[in-house]
Amino acid sequence: MEITILAADDVDSRAQLIDLLEMALGLETEGPESVGLREKQKGLKLNVMS
């Protein structure tokens, strides 16, 4: 997967990018609970309108 992020080049934007990268690393290494997300429940389908 590849993601492109466009943002202003200032201190706040850089801090938000670092937070996002830390959250992504936590998801990869420790799972969703490490960043405050619940693990997806198996067997439940999402209702999607198309």
Protein backbone atom coordinates (compact mmCIF):
# COMPACT_ATOMS: atom_id res chain seq x y z
CA MET A 1 0.00 0.00 0.00
CA GLU A 2 1.20 3.49 -0.76
CA ILE A 3 -0.25 6.66 0.72
CA THR A 4 0.48 10.23 -0.32
CA ILE A 5 -0.14 12.98 2.23
CA LEU A 6 -0.20 16.66 1.33
CA ALA A 7 0.07 19.18 4.14
CA ALA A 8 1.50 22.54 5.02
CA ASP A 9 5.22 22.61 5.82
CA ASP A 10 4.99 23.82 9.40
CA VAL A 11 5.64 22.52 12.91
CA ASP A 12 2.02 21.45 13.56
CA SER A 13 1.78 19.48 10.31
CA ARG A 14 5.06 17.72 11.03
CA ALA A 15 3.88 16.79 14.53
CA GLN A 16 0.64 15.36 13.11
CA LEU A 17 2.61 13.35 10.54
CA ILE A 18 4.83 11.90 13.28
CA ASP A 19 1.70 10.98 15.29
CA LEU A 20 0.22 9.26 12.25
CA LEU A 21 3.44 7.32 11.59
CA GLU A 22 3.67 6.25 15.24
CA MET A 23 0.07 5.05 15.15
CA ALA A 24 0.72 3.07 11.95
CA LEU A 25 3.82 1.49 13.48
CA GLY A 26 1.85 0.56 16.60
CA LEU A 27 -0.84 -1.06 14.47
CA GLU A 28 1.76 -3.14 12.63
CA THR A 29 3.81 -4.19 15.63
CA GLU A 30 1.40 -4.40 18.57
CA GLY A 31 -2.11 -4.57 17.11
CA PRO A 32 -5.10 -2.23 17.21
CA GLU A 33 -5.45 -2.20 20.99
CA SER A 34 -2.06 -0.48 21.31
CA VAL A 35 -3.36 2.68 19.63
CA GLY A 36 -6.82 2.69 21.17
CA LEU A 37 -8.67 0.83 18.42
CA ARG A 38 -10.79 -2.25 18.91
CA GLU A 39 -9.92 -5.44 17.09
CA LYS A 40 -12.30 -6.33 14.28
CA GLN A 41 -14.85 -8.88 15.40
CA LYS A 42 -14.77 -11.99 13.25
CA GLY A 43 -17.92 -13.15 11.57
CA LEU A 44 -19.68 -9.80 11.47
CA LYS A 45 -20.41 -8.19 8.11
CA LEU A 46 -20.52 -4.48 7.56
CA ASN A 47 -23.66 -3.03 6.02
CA VAL A 48 -22.39 -1.21 2.94
CA MET A 49 -24.60 0.76 0.60
CA SER A 50 -23.56 0.73 -3.03
